[in-house]
Amino acid sequence: MKKISGRKWIGWTGAVAIGLIISLGFVTAGNEERNFSIVKNLDIFYSLFRELNTYYVEETNPEELVETGIGAMLESLDPYTTYIPESEMDDFNFMTTGEYAGVGALITGREDYVYISEPYKGFPADKAGLKAGDKILSIDGVDMKGKRTEDVSNKLKGPANTDVTVTVERYGQDDPLEINIVRKAIQIDPVSYYGMVDDKTGIIILDNFTQDCSRNVEKALKDLKEEHGAEKIILDLRGNPGGLLDEAVKLANLFLPRGSEVVSTKGKIEQWDKIYRTSKAAVDTVIPLVVMINRGSASASEIVAGAIQDHDRGVIVGNRSFGKGLVQTTRSLPYNAKLKVTTAKYYIPSGRCIQALDYSHRNEDGSVGYVPDSLITEFTTQNGRTVYDGGGISPDVVVPYDKYSNMTFALVAQQTIFDYVNRFVAEHSSVPAPEAFSVTDGIYGDFTDYVTALDSFRYTSESRERFKTLKEAAEKEGYYEANADAFETLEKKLDVSVSEDLENFRDEVDDLLADEILKRYYYRKGAVKYALQDDKVLEKALEVIGSDSEYQGILNGTVLSHAGDRRQR
């Protein structure tokens, strides 16, 4: 056998592997140790896969085995480097373009069936008569019982202008309904709502950074200014997970003058390093601007908010953003698969990297939590204000983050509100307009009766969970036996009462109940209109933008802001 870099050749499959990686450009001159390691490990993987396929006691699924291996490999890198098989390309394309061909409805899985959770207004499902709460029994005669949400979604999708027949069960109707729908190209508007929130202030809510989203925001901005007389603008990026980097640059360009730096990227391959600047004249460089963010604002949302903050172009209000400062590039793989691979980090104009530097202190939702001082570096904005890196964008004005109770989480997780509203809609042909709607005592009392009558509704309070931990520690350390009576008394006092907790947490349950009800009668825009009437973050944004002295003081650094709160959770 020949030698490579002084090591013995490892098998005939290595010849295949070395030929393959040379042809693909993986072997580089002057790096023999690394080249040998690549060949060796590819050979091991191929041999292991072959042995499993030949000798494992049961038949294996080669595709599942490889996808599991790929998933585990990529999981060891970062959360955003992912493999996209051909079967998931439709979902991937929808995430980046906002467009697909289908019926235009959100669906959700429940036990053995999938339900319609929200038909989009004016799209095929809505026009054909599908409603939220409909249980999908069959599609084109194929039984959907036991099917995954992904399987049902794939059956509903298809080429534009083709028919699909959906058989559903609807609350309050004895017989199943057979609904014929003509599929269409579905383009979801990323601007879910825009309008005036007071006489002088307009709001634009952007849900994601899909293709051409900046053009939609521009149309909304111009309409608010020219048709509604908006003199101030609030851009709502809360819960916006990001998307296309180019769209973030174009959106920032609406408010920043031509030539302004928005973001730069730096990675291992130097020729991919780039500084992104605005390339056109802005729509408006002086209109007072507030950008609202929260822990769900990530990636492109953070680029826009960070560029606005670093150029002192507007005030950021809300909670610290998610902390995703990694750039992904999509690479083609054989058999129509894709690899979305992290190729660079991005840096906003002050020099900050938004990527969280410490993965060990994440919140439950993955966003940035506590950031140790040792991982913090100080930067300055265009006006000389102090800002910090370490993960995410810290708002200039922080609004305390609302945390839902265990009761509310249980109502959502078990889809109890969804089920109740199915019954409510069957019994009420209409409700007042969003601006006049409220969850009355009568509605809430009926909901309480519905929940307390359910044998299936289960939850535990946070106090009860902590008591369980205390009890286990006491048993381990020998304190429980000597204080058993006290523990038992406390345990009884901590027993949850569904009816009492529904009353204690009515404020937060009210909001979710109203949201689900209004979506059924007035679609998503109606629910948004209602929510904006009692929105603490929006209230603070209006307060800031309504006071010229406070607004300008924050941007000039003469009014203390919270952007320097380095460890904000």
Protein backbone atom coordinates (compact mmCIF):
# COMPACT_ATOMS: atom_id res chain seq x y z
CA MET A 1 0.00 0.00 0.00
CA LYS A 2 1.13 3.54 -0.67
CA LYS A 3 1.47 6.05 2.11
CA ILE A 4 -0.17 9.42 2.51
CA SER A 5 1.70 11.87 4.72
CA GLY A 6 3.65 9.02 6.31
CA ARG A 7 0.51 7.09 7.34
CA LYS A 8 -0.73 3.77 6.00
CA TRP A 9 -3.73 3.77 3.70
CA ILE A 10 -6.89 2.75 5.59
CA GLY A 11 -8.84 0.69 3.06
CA TRP A 12 -10.23 0.49 -0.44
CA THR A 13 -13.14 2.78 0.47
CA GLY A 14 -10.57 5.42 1.29
CA ALA A 15 -9.66 5.51 -2.39
CA VAL A 16 -13.25 6.39 -3.18
CA ALA A 17 -13.29 8.98 -0.41
CA ILE A 18 -10.02 10.65 -1.42
CA GLY A 19 -11.13 10.81 -5.05
CA LEU A 20 -14.40 12.36 -4.00
CA ILE A 21 -12.99 15.01 -1.69
CA ILE A 22 -10.28 15.98 -4.19
CA SER A 23 -12.92 16.40 -6.91
CA LEU A 24 -15.01 18.53 -4.55
CA GLY A 25 -12.07 20.65 -3.52
CA PHE A 26 -11.85 19.53 0.12
CA VAL A 27 -8.15 18.66 -0.03
CA THR A 28 -5.87 21.66 0.19
CA ALA A 29 -2.17 21.84 -0.53
CA GLY A 30 0.12 22.06 2.48
CA ASN A 31 -2.40 20.73 4.98
CA GLU A 32 -1.68 16.98 4.91
CA GLU A 33 -2.72 16.32 8.51
CA ARG A 34 -6.19 17.77 7.99
CA ASN A 35 -6.57 16.08 4.59
CA PHE A 36 -5.74 12.71 6.10
CA SER A 37 -8.23 13.29 8.93
CA ILE A 38 -11.01 14.03 6.43
CA VAL A 39 -10.29 10.88 4.40
CA LYS A 40 -9.97 8.71 7.49
CA ASN A 41 -13.26 9.79 9.04
CA LEU A 42 -15.21 9.59 5.79
CA ASP A 43 -13.90 6.05 5.41
CA ILE A 44 -14.97 5.17 8.97
CA PHE A 45 -18.44 6.63 8.42
CA TYR A 46 -18.93 4.81 5.12
CA SER A 47 -17.75 1.50 6.62
CA LEU A 48 -19.94 1.88 9.71
CA PHE A 49 -22.98 2.66 7.57
CA ARG A 50 -22.30 -0.38 5.37
CA GLU A 51 -21.93 -2.71 8.40
CA LEU A 52 -25.17 -1.42 9.97
CA ASN A 53 -27.05 -1.90 6.73
CA THR A 54 -25.73 -5.46 6.37
CA TYR A 55 -25.80 -6.87 9.90
CA TYR A 56 -28.26 -4.90 12.07
CA VAL A 57 -30.95 -7.23 13.45
CA GLU A 58 -33.82 -5.30 11.84
CA GLU A 59 -34.21 -3.57 8.50
CA THR A 60 -32.88 -0.02 8.63
CA ASN A 61 -34.04 3.06 6.74
CA PRO A 62 -30.91 4.44 5.04
CA GLU A 63 -32.40 7.91 4.56
CA GLU A 64 -33.43 8.22 8.21
CA LEU A 65 -30.06 6.97 9.42
CA VAL A 66 -28.13 9.48 7.31
CA GLU A 67 -30.43 12.37 8.24
CA THR A 68 -30.01 11.49 11.92
CA GLY A 69 -26.25 11.48 11.49
CA ILE A 70 -26.28 14.77 9.62
CA GLY A 71 -28.55 16.33 12.24
CA ALA A 72 -26.30 15.28 15.12
CA MET A 73 -23.20 16.54 13.28
CA LEU A 74 -24.69 19.96 12.58
CA GLU A 75 -26.15 20.21 16.08
CA SER A 76 -22.59 20.21 17.44
CA LEU A 77 -21.87 23.48 15.58
CA ASP A 78 -24.53 26.16 16.07
CA PRO A 79 -28.35 26.21 16.06
CA TYR A 80 -28.57 27.82 12.62
CA THR A 81 -26.49 25.48 10.45
CA THR A 82 -29.11 23.04 9.19
CA TYR A 83 -29.72 20.40 6.54
CA ILE A 84 -32.79 20.88 4.36
CA PRO A 85 -33.88 17.69 2.55
CA GLU A 86 -35.88 17.90 -0.66
CA SER A 87 -39.09 17.12 1.25
CA GLU A 88 -38.74 20.36 3.24
CA MET A 89 -37.81 22.69 0.39
CA ASP A 90 -41.35 24.08 0.07
CA ASP A 91 -41.30 25.21 3.69
CA PHE A 92 -37.83 26.68 3.26
CA ASN A 93 -38.88 28.62 0.16
CA PHE A 94 -41.93 29.94 2.00
CA MET A 95 -39.73 31.17 4.84
CA THR A 96 -37.51 33.13 2.47
CA THR A 97 -40.06 34.35 -0.09
CA GLY A 98 -43.36 34.23 1.78
CA GLU A 99 -44.84 32.51 -1.27
CA TYR A 100 -46.17 29.00 -1.95
CA ALA A 101 -49.01 27.36 -3.86
CA GLY A 102 -51.83 26.01 -1.74
CA VAL A 103 -55.05 26.97 0.06
CA GLY A 104 -53.80 29.74 2.36
CA ALA A 105 -54.47 28.59 5.93
CA LEU A 106 -52.58 27.76 9.11
CA ILE A 107 -53.11 24.27 10.54
CA THR A 108 -52.43 22.71 13.93
CA GLY A 109 -52.17 19.12 15.16
CA ARG A 110 -54.52 17.78 17.84
CA GLU A 111 -54.26 14.17 18.99
CA ASP A 112 -55.18 12.05 15.92
CA TYR A 113 -56.26 14.90 13.65
CA VAL A 114 -55.13 18.19 12.16
CA TYR A 115 -57.34 21.28 12.45
CA ILE A 116 -57.62 24.56 10.57
CA SER A 117 -56.31 27.15 13.02
CA GLU A 118 -56.51 30.29 10.88
CA PRO A 119 -57.55 30.82 7.26
CA TYR A 120 -55.93 33.87 5.67
CA LYS A 121 -58.47 36.51 4.67
CA GLY A 122 -59.29 36.50 0.97
CA PHE A 123 -57.28 33.38 0.13
CA PRO A 124 -58.71 30.13 -1.33
CA ALA A 125 -59.49 28.38 1.98
CA ASP A 126 -61.33 31.45 3.27
CA LYS A 127 -63.24 32.00 0.02
CA ALA A 128 -64.27 28.34 -0.14
CA GLY A 129 -65.64 28.44 3.40
CA LEU A 130 -63.04 26.68 5.57
CA LYS A 131 -63.11 28.05 9.11
CA ALA A 132 -60.82 28.00 12.12
CA GLY A 133 -61.68 24.99 14.25
CA ASP A 134 -62.55 22.70 11.34
CA LYS A 135 -61.23 19.17 11.89
CA ILE A 136 -59.73 17.76 8.68
CA LEU A 137 -61.14 14.28 8.16
CA SER A 138 -59.90 13.60 4.64
CA ILE A 139 -58.24 15.26 1.65
CA ASP A 140 -59.18 14.09 -1.84
CA GLY A 141 -60.74 11.01 -0.26
CA VAL A 142 -57.61 10.05 1.69
CA ASP A 143 -58.22 9.57 5.43
CA MET A 144 -56.20 12.05 7.48
CA LYS A 145 -56.59 10.35 10.85
CA GLY A 146 -53.18 9.82 12.44
CA LYS A 147 -51.38 11.90 9.80
CA ARG A 148 -48.65 14.32 10.81
CA THR A 149 -49.19 18.06 10.35
CA GLU A 150 -46.44 17.98 7.72
CA ASP A 151 -48.28 15.25 5.76
CA VAL A 152 -51.55 17.19 5.81
CA SER A 153 -49.76 20.37 4.76
CA ASN A 154 -48.20 18.59 1.79
CA LYS A 155 -51.62 17.28 0.71
CA LEU A 156 -53.11 20.77 0.85
CA LYS A 157 -50.28 22.23 -1.22
CA GLY A 158 -49.97 21.66 -4.93
CA PRO A 159 -49.69 23.42 -8.28
CA ALA A 160 -51.68 26.63 -8.63
CA ASN A 161 -55.14 26.33 -10.25
CA THR A 162 -55.56 22.67 -9.26
CA ASP A 163 -58.51 21.41 -7.18
CA VAL A 164 -58.38 19.84 -3.75
CA THR A 165 -61.38 18.50 -1.83
CA VAL A 166 -61.23 18.79 1.95
CA THR A 167 -63.76 16.99 4.17
CA VAL A 168 -64.07 18.55 7.62
CA GLU A 169 -66.02 18.17 10.82
CA ARG A 170 -67.31 21.48 12.23
CA TYR A 171 -68.51 22.12 15.78
CA GLY A 172 -72.30 22.38 15.94
CA GLN A 173 -72.95 20.58 12.65
CA ASP A 174 -74.03 16.96 12.59
CA ASP A 175 -72.69 15.94 9.19
CA PRO A 176 -69.19 16.39 7.73
CA LEU A 177 -68.73 19.17 5.18
CA GLU A 178 -67.08 18.53 1.81
CA ILE A 179 -65.35 21.69 0.58
CA ASN A 180 -63.77 22.05 -2.84
CA ILE A 181 -60.90 24.52 -3.07
CA VAL A 182 -58.89 25.77 -6.03
CA ARG A 183 -55.25 26.17 -5.04
CA LYS A 184 -53.57 29.48 -5.82
CA ALA A 185 -50.12 31.00 -5.49
CA ILE A 186 -50.11 32.30 -1.90
CA GLN A 187 -48.11 35.44 -1.13
CA ILE A 188 -48.33 36.39 2.53
CA ASP A 189 -47.91 40.11 3.20
CA PRO A 190 -45.13 40.45 5.81
CA VAL A 191 -46.71 43.74 6.94
CA SER A 192 -49.56 42.25 8.94
CA TYR A 193 -50.92 45.66 9.94
CA TYR A 194 -50.35 49.37 9.60
CA GLY A 195 -52.46 52.31 10.67
CA MET A 196 -52.70 55.36 12.91
CA VAL A 197 -52.45 54.88 16.68
CA ASP A 198 -53.15 58.54 17.44
CA ASP A 199 -53.69 61.72 15.44
CA LYS A 200 -50.02 62.09 14.52
CA THR A 201 -48.44 58.65 14.91
CA GLY A 202 -48.53 55.72 12.52
CA ILE A 203 -47.49 52.15 13.28
CA ILE A 204 -46.12 49.49 10.89
CA ILE A 205 -46.00 45.87 12.07
CA LEU A 206 -43.52 43.72 10.16
CA ASP A 207 -43.69 39.98 10.82
CA ASN A 208 -40.62 38.75 8.93
CA PHE A 209 -37.96 39.72 6.42
CA THR A 210 -39.09 37.86 3.33
CA GLN A 211 -38.39 38.86 -0.25
CA ASP A 212 -39.56 42.43 -1.06
CA CYS A 213 -40.72 43.09 2.50
CA SER A 214 -38.92 46.47 2.42
CA ARG A 215 -41.12 47.47 -0.52
CA ASN A 216 -44.23 46.64 1.53
CA VAL A 217 -42.94 48.71 4.45
CA GLU A 218 -42.17 51.58 2.08
CA LYS A 219 -45.73 51.52 0.71
CA ALA A 220 -47.13 51.53 4.25
CA LEU A 221 -44.82 54.38 5.29
CA LYS A 222 -45.76 56.55 2.31
CA ASP A 223 -49.47 55.84 2.77
CA LEU A 224 -49.33 56.76 6.46
CA LYS A 225 -47.56 60.02 5.65
CA GLU A 226 -49.43 61.07 2.53
CA GLU A 227 -52.95 59.75 3.14
CA HIS A 228 -53.21 59.75 6.93
CA GLY A 229 -50.95 62.66 7.86
CA ALA A 230 -48.54 60.70 10.03
CA GLU A 231 -45.84 62.91 11.51
CA LYS A 232 -44.22 60.17 13.60
CA ILE A 233 -43.63 56.49 12.94
CA ILE A 234 -43.42 53.40 15.15
CA LEU A 235 -41.89 50.30 13.52
CA ASP A 236 -42.93 47.15 15.36
CA LEU A 237 -40.38 44.31 15.02
CA ARG A 238 -41.51 42.38 18.09
CA GLY A 239 -41.53 38.65 17.46
CA ASN A 240 -39.94 39.14 14.03
CA PRO A 241 -37.42 36.27 13.65
CA GLY A 242 -35.55 37.91 10.75
CA GLY A 243 -34.88 36.58 7.28
CA LEU A 244 -33.05 38.06 4.30
CA LEU A 245 -30.08 40.30 5.08
CA ASP A 246 -30.50 42.34 1.89
CA GLU A 247 -34.05 43.20 2.91
CA ALA A 248 -32.81 44.44 6.29
CA VAL A 249 -30.42 46.80 4.50
CA LYS A 250 -33.17 48.04 2.17
CA LEU A 251 -35.55 48.60 5.09
CA ALA A 252 -32.94 50.58 7.02
CA ASN A 253 -32.45 52.60 3.84
CA LEU A 254 -36.00 53.96 4.22
CA PHE A 255 -34.79 56.00 7.20
CA LEU A 256 -31.01 56.34 6.69
CA PRO A 257 -29.38 58.50 3.98
CA ARG A 258 -27.55 57.03 1.00
CA GLY A 259 -24.10 55.68 1.87
CA SER A 260 -24.87 54.89 5.52
CA GLU A 261 -23.33 51.69 6.84
CA VAL A 262 -25.99 49.25 8.00
CA VAL A 263 -24.06 46.04 8.69
CA SER A 264 -20.80 44.30 7.85
CA THR A 265 -20.06 40.58 7.68
CA LYS A 266 -16.81 38.83 8.58
CA GLY A 267 -16.08 35.13 8.19
CA LYS A 268 -13.39 32.55 7.40
CA ILE A 269 -13.46 33.23 3.65
CA GLU A 270 -12.18 36.77 3.29
CA GLN A 271 -13.59 37.41 -0.16
CA TRP A 272 -17.08 37.03 1.32
CA ASP A 273 -16.47 39.78 3.88
CA LYS A 274 -18.59 42.76 2.97
CA ILE A 275 -19.82 46.13 4.22
CA TYR A 276 -23.48 46.75 3.40
CA ARG A 277 -24.42 50.40 2.90
CA THR A 278 -27.63 52.11 1.89
CA SER A 279 -27.66 52.66 -1.86
CA LYS A 280 -30.67 54.92 -2.46
CA ALA A 281 -32.10 58.16 -1.19
CA ALA A 282 -34.12 57.56 1.98
CA VAL A 283 -37.87 58.04 2.14
CA ASP A 284 -37.53 60.16 5.30
CA THR A 285 -34.39 60.86 7.34
CA VAL A 286 -35.98 63.21 9.90
CA ILE A 287 -39.41 61.88 10.88
CA PRO A 288 -39.35 60.85 14.58
CA LEU A 289 -38.95 57.08 14.73
CA VAL A 290 -39.35 54.44 17.43
CA VAL A 291 -38.50 50.77 16.83
CA MET A 292 -40.14 48.27 19.18
CA ILE A 293 -38.31 44.98 19.85
CA ASN A 294 -38.50 42.05 22.25
CA ARG A 295 -36.87 38.67 22.91
CA GLY A 296 -38.40 37.32 19.71
CA SER A 297 -36.74 39.96 17.51
CA ALA A 298 -33.78 38.26 15.84
CA SER A 299 -31.28 38.43 13.01
CA ALA A 300 -32.46 40.94 10.37
CA SER A 301 -34.67 42.61 13.01
CA GLU A 302 -31.57 43.19 15.11
CA ILE A 303 -29.67 44.56 12.11
CA VAL A 304 -32.36 47.18 11.51
CA ALA A 305 -32.81 48.07 15.19
CA GLY A 306 -29.03 48.14 15.74
CA ALA A 307 -28.35 50.33 12.69
CA ILE A 308 -31.10 52.77 13.73
CA GLN A 309 -29.65 52.90 17.25
CA ASP A 310 -26.01 53.21 16.18
CA HIS A 311 -26.81 56.07 13.80
CA ASP A 312 -29.00 57.71 16.49
CA ARG A 313 -31.77 57.78 13.92
CA GLY A 314 -34.51 56.58 16.29
CA VAL A 315 -35.24 55.33 19.79
CA ILE A 316 -35.45 51.59 20.56
CA VAL A 317 -38.20 50.58 23.02
CA GLY A 318 -39.06 47.19 24.53
CA ASN A 319 -36.88 44.29 25.68
CA ARG A 320 -33.45 43.02 24.74
CA SER A 321 -33.56 41.22 21.41
CA PHE A 322 -32.78 37.56 20.78
CA GLY A 323 -29.04 37.79 20.07
CA LYS A 324 -28.48 36.15 16.68
CA GLY A 325 -25.56 37.71 14.84
CA LEU A 326 -24.66 34.84 12.53
CA VAL A 327 -25.02 34.94 8.75
CA GLN A 328 -26.23 31.84 6.90
CA THR A 329 -25.53 31.01 3.28
CA THR A 330 -27.55 28.38 1.43
CA ARG A 331 -25.46 25.82 -0.48
CA SER A 332 -26.88 23.31 -2.96
CA LEU A 333 -26.49 19.59 -2.29
CA PRO A 334 -27.24 16.55 -4.48
CA TYR A 335 -30.85 15.41 -4.98
CA ASN A 336 -32.33 18.92 -4.54
CA ALA A 337 -31.29 19.19 -0.89
CA LYS A 338 -29.71 22.28 0.66
CA LEU A 339 -27.27 23.12 3.43
CA LYS A 340 -27.92 26.34 5.31
CA VAL A 341 -24.48 26.98 6.76
CA THR A 342 -23.20 29.73 9.03
CA THR A 343 -20.47 31.51 7.07
CA ALA A 344 -19.93 34.77 8.95
CA LYS A 345 -20.83 36.99 11.87
CA TYR A 346 -22.41 40.36 11.32
CA TYR A 347 -21.42 43.64 12.94
CA ILE A 348 -23.55 46.77 13.13
CA PRO A 349 -22.09 50.27 12.53
CA SER A 350 -20.73 50.86 16.06
CA GLY A 351 -18.65 47.67 15.67
CA ARG A 352 -20.87 45.53 17.89
CA CYS A 353 -21.54 41.89 17.11
CA ILE A 354 -25.09 41.02 18.08
CA GLN A 355 -24.36 37.30 18.51
CA ALA A 356 -24.69 36.14 22.10
CA LEU A 357 -21.20 35.43 23.38
CA ASP A 358 -22.27 33.08 26.15
CA TYR A 359 -24.61 30.21 25.21
CA SER A 360 -24.78 29.00 28.83
CA HIS A 361 -26.99 31.87 30.02
CA ARG A 362 -29.85 31.69 27.53
CA ASN A 363 -33.50 32.18 28.48
CA GLU A 364 -35.91 29.26 28.03
CA ASP A 365 -36.89 30.59 24.59
CA GLY A 366 -33.23 30.69 23.50
CA SER A 367 -32.85 34.46 23.75
CA VAL A 368 -30.07 36.24 25.64
CA GLY A 369 -30.32 36.08 29.42
CA TYR A 370 -27.69 37.20 31.90
CA VAL A 371 -24.47 38.42 30.28
CA PRO A 372 -21.36 38.36 32.52
CA ASP A 373 -19.37 41.61 32.66
CA SER A 374 -16.29 39.72 31.47
CA LEU A 375 -17.95 39.19 28.09
CA ILE A 376 -18.94 42.83 27.59
CA THR A 377 -17.19 45.41 25.40
CA GLU A 378 -18.12 49.09 25.25
CA PHE A 379 -18.91 50.88 21.98
CA THR A 380 -20.32 54.28 21.04
CA THR A 381 -23.07 55.45 18.71
CA GLN A 382 -22.71 58.24 16.13
CA ASN A 383 -23.64 60.82 18.80
CA GLY A 384 -21.25 59.29 21.33
CA ARG A 385 -23.79 57.37 23.40
CA THR A 386 -22.46 54.26 25.13
CA VAL A 387 -23.72 50.87 23.93
CA TYR A 388 -22.48 47.35 24.60
CA ASP A 389 -22.13 44.02 22.84
CA GLY A 390 -22.57 40.63 24.50
CA GLY A 391 -25.74 39.59 22.74
CA GLY A 392 -28.75 41.28 21.24
CA ILE A 393 -29.83 44.91 21.15
CA SER A 394 -30.53 46.54 24.50
CA PRO A 395 -33.38 49.06 24.10
CA ASP A 396 -32.94 52.73 24.92
CA VAL A 397 -36.15 52.45 26.93
CA VAL A 398 -36.87 49.12 28.62
CA VAL A 399 -40.43 47.98 29.31
CA PRO A 400 -40.70 45.11 31.84
CA TYR A 401 -41.27 41.76 30.17
CA ASP A 402 -44.65 40.18 30.97
CA LYS A 403 -44.42 36.57 32.14
CA TYR A 404 -47.49 34.39 31.79
CA SER A 405 -48.70 32.17 34.63
CA ASN A 406 -48.63 28.38 34.49
CA MET A 407 -52.41 28.49 34.22
CA THR A 408 -52.25 30.54 31.00
CA PHE A 409 -49.51 28.34 29.54
CA ALA A 410 -51.69 25.29 30.20
CA LEU A 411 -54.71 26.89 28.50
CA VAL A 412 -52.61 27.56 25.39
CA ALA A 413 -50.66 24.29 25.37
CA GLN A 414 -53.81 22.19 25.76
CA GLN A 415 -55.62 24.41 23.22
CA THR A 416 -58.47 24.95 25.67
CA ILE A 417 -59.14 28.50 24.46
CA PHE A 418 -59.15 27.28 20.84
CA ASP A 419 -61.74 24.60 21.68
CA TYR A 420 -63.94 27.00 23.65
CA VAL A 421 -64.00 29.54 20.83
CA ASN A 422 -65.12 26.81 18.41
CA ARG A 423 -68.25 26.51 20.54
CA PHE A 424 -68.55 30.28 21.01
CA VAL A 425 -68.54 30.92 17.25
CA ALA A 426 -71.21 28.27 16.68
CA GLU A 427 -73.43 30.08 19.17
CA HIS A 428 -72.72 33.72 18.17
CA SER A 429 -73.18 34.96 14.62
CA SER A 430 -71.32 38.21 15.31
CA VAL A 431 -69.40 40.22 17.89
CA PRO A 432 -68.73 43.98 18.16
CA ALA A 433 -65.94 45.54 16.09
CA PRO A 434 -62.43 45.19 17.58
CA GLU A 435 -62.41 48.80 18.80
CA ALA A 436 -65.64 48.17 20.77
CA PHE A 437 -65.15 44.52 21.73
CA SER A 438 -64.43 43.35 25.26
CA VAL A 439 -64.47 40.03 27.06
CA THR A 440 -67.53 40.70 29.20
CA ASP A 441 -68.20 39.11 32.58
CA GLY A 442 -70.78 36.96 30.82
CA ILE A 443 -68.29 35.65 28.26
CA TYR A 444 -65.60 35.07 30.88
CA GLY A 445 -68.04 33.37 33.24
CA ASP A 446 -69.11 31.03 30.44
CA PHE A 447 -65.46 30.30 29.65
CA THR A 448 -64.75 29.58 33.34
CA ASP A 449 -67.68 27.16 33.49
CA TYR A 450 -66.41 25.46 30.33
CA VAL A 451 -62.87 24.99 31.67
CA THR A 452 -63.86 23.82 35.17
CA ALA A 453 -66.18 21.21 33.65
CA LEU A 454 -63.34 19.65 31.65
CA ASP A 455 -61.97 16.45 33.14
CA SER A 456 -59.01 16.63 30.76
CA PHE A 457 -57.67 20.05 31.81
CA ARG A 458 -54.61 19.65 34.01
CA TYR A 459 -51.92 22.03 35.20
CA THR A 460 -49.71 22.77 38.17
CA SER A 461 -48.81 26.13 39.65
CA GLU A 462 -45.25 27.44 39.87
CA SER A 463 -45.54 27.35 43.68
CA ARG A 464 -46.49 23.67 43.50
CA GLU A 465 -43.53 22.91 41.25
CA ARG A 466 -41.15 24.62 43.66
CA PHE A 467 -42.75 22.82 46.60
CA LYS A 468 -42.08 19.50 44.86
CA THR A 469 -38.39 20.43 44.56
CA LEU A 470 -38.29 21.45 48.24
CA LYS A 471 -39.95 18.22 49.31
CA GLU A 472 -37.48 16.10 47.32
CA ALA A 473 -34.54 18.00 48.87
CA ALA A 474 -36.02 17.59 52.37
CA GLU A 475 -36.46 13.85 51.86
CA LYS A 476 -32.90 13.52 50.62
CA GLU A 477 -31.47 15.46 53.57
CA GLY A 478 -33.66 13.78 56.20
CA TYR A 479 -35.79 16.81 57.17
CA TYR A 480 -39.08 15.61 55.71
CA GLU A 481 -39.83 12.81 58.18
CA ALA A 482 -39.47 15.11 61.20
CA ASN A 483 -41.71 17.76 59.61
CA ALA A 484 -44.16 15.60 57.64
CA ASP A 485 -47.26 17.26 59.10
CA ALA A 486 -46.04 20.73 58.15
CA PHE A 487 -45.20 19.59 54.64
CA GLU A 488 -48.60 17.92 54.19
CA THR A 489 -50.44 21.02 55.46
CA LEU A 490 -48.52 23.27 53.07
CA GLU A 491 -49.07 20.84 50.19
CA LYS A 492 -52.85 20.99 50.70
CA LYS A 493 -52.79 24.78 50.79
CA LEU A 494 -50.93 24.80 47.48
CA ASP A 495 -53.50 22.64 45.69
CA VAL A 496 -54.55 24.49 42.55
CA SER A 497 -58.07 25.77 42.10
CA VAL A 498 -58.90 26.21 38.42
CA SER A 499 -61.77 28.63 39.06
CA GLU A 500 -59.73 30.75 41.50
CA ASP A 501 -56.72 30.90 39.19
CA LEU A 502 -58.90 31.81 36.22
CA GLU A 503 -60.06 34.79 38.26
CA ASN A 504 -56.57 35.65 39.56
CA PHE A 505 -55.06 35.63 36.07
CA ARG A 506 -58.04 37.01 34.20
CA ASP A 507 -56.12 39.94 32.68
CA GLU A 508 -53.77 37.71 30.73
CA VAL A 509 -56.40 35.10 29.87
CA ASP A 510 -58.72 37.90 28.66
CA ASP A 511 -56.15 38.97 26.07
CA LEU A 512 -55.72 35.47 24.66
CA LEU A 513 -59.44 34.81 24.63
CA ALA A 514 -60.14 38.09 22.82
CA ASP A 515 -57.37 37.35 20.31
CA GLU A 516 -58.85 33.97 19.38
CA ILE A 517 -62.43 35.29 19.21
CA LEU A 518 -61.60 38.32 17.07
CA LYS A 519 -59.50 36.29 14.62
CA ARG A 520 -62.63 34.24 13.86
CA TYR A 521 -64.75 37.29 12.98
CA TYR A 522 -62.25 39.95 11.86
CA TYR A 523 -59.17 37.90 10.95
CA ARG A 524 -55.64 38.75 12.06
CA LYS A 525 -55.99 42.52 11.53
CA GLY A 526 -58.97 42.66 13.84
CA ALA A 527 -57.07 40.89 16.60
CA VAL A 528 -54.13 43.28 16.14
CA LYS A 529 -56.39 46.35 16.35
CA TYR A 530 -57.77 45.09 19.64
CA ALA A 531 -54.35 44.24 21.10
CA LEU A 532 -52.92 47.67 20.29
CA GLN A 533 -55.51 49.32 22.55
CA ASP A 534 -53.85 47.89 25.67
CA ASP A 535 -50.19 47.46 24.75
CA LYS A 536 -47.69 48.52 27.42
CA VAL A 537 -44.76 48.70 25.01
CA LEU A 538 -46.74 50.76 22.51
CA GLU A 539 -47.92 53.01 25.33
CA LYS A 540 -44.31 53.71 26.32
CA ALA A 541 -43.30 54.21 22.66
CA LEU A 542 -46.07 56.81 22.26
CA GLU A 543 -44.94 58.51 25.45
CA VAL A 544 -41.35 58.77 24.19
CA ILE A 545 -42.17 59.84 20.64
CA GLY A 546 -44.80 62.27 21.92
CA SER A 547 -42.27 64.20 24.00
CA ASP A 548 -39.78 66.00 21.78
CA SER A 549 -37.50 66.78 24.73
CA GLU A 550 -37.36 63.13 25.88
CA TYR A 551 -37.00 61.77 22.33
CA GLN A 552 -34.18 64.14 21.37
CA GLY A 553 -32.61 63.85 24.82
CA ILE A 554 -32.27 60.08 24.46
CA LEU A 555 -30.69 60.42 21.01
CA ASN A 556 -28.32 63.16 22.17
CA GLY A 557 -27.37 61.31 25.33
CA THR A 558 -28.68 64.03 27.66
CA VAL A 559 -31.56 61.83 28.89
CA LEU A 560 -30.51 58.57 30.53
CA SER A 561 -31.54 55.52 28.55
CA HIS A 562 -31.24 51.83 29.29
CA ALA A 563 -29.15 50.88 26.26
CA GLY A 564 -26.20 50.52 28.60
CA ASP A 565 -27.97 47.99 30.80
CA ARG A 566 -25.47 45.30 30.00
CA ARG A 567 -27.06 42.41 31.82
CA GLN A 568 -30.72 43.01 31.12
CA ARG A 569 -32.62 39.74 30.94
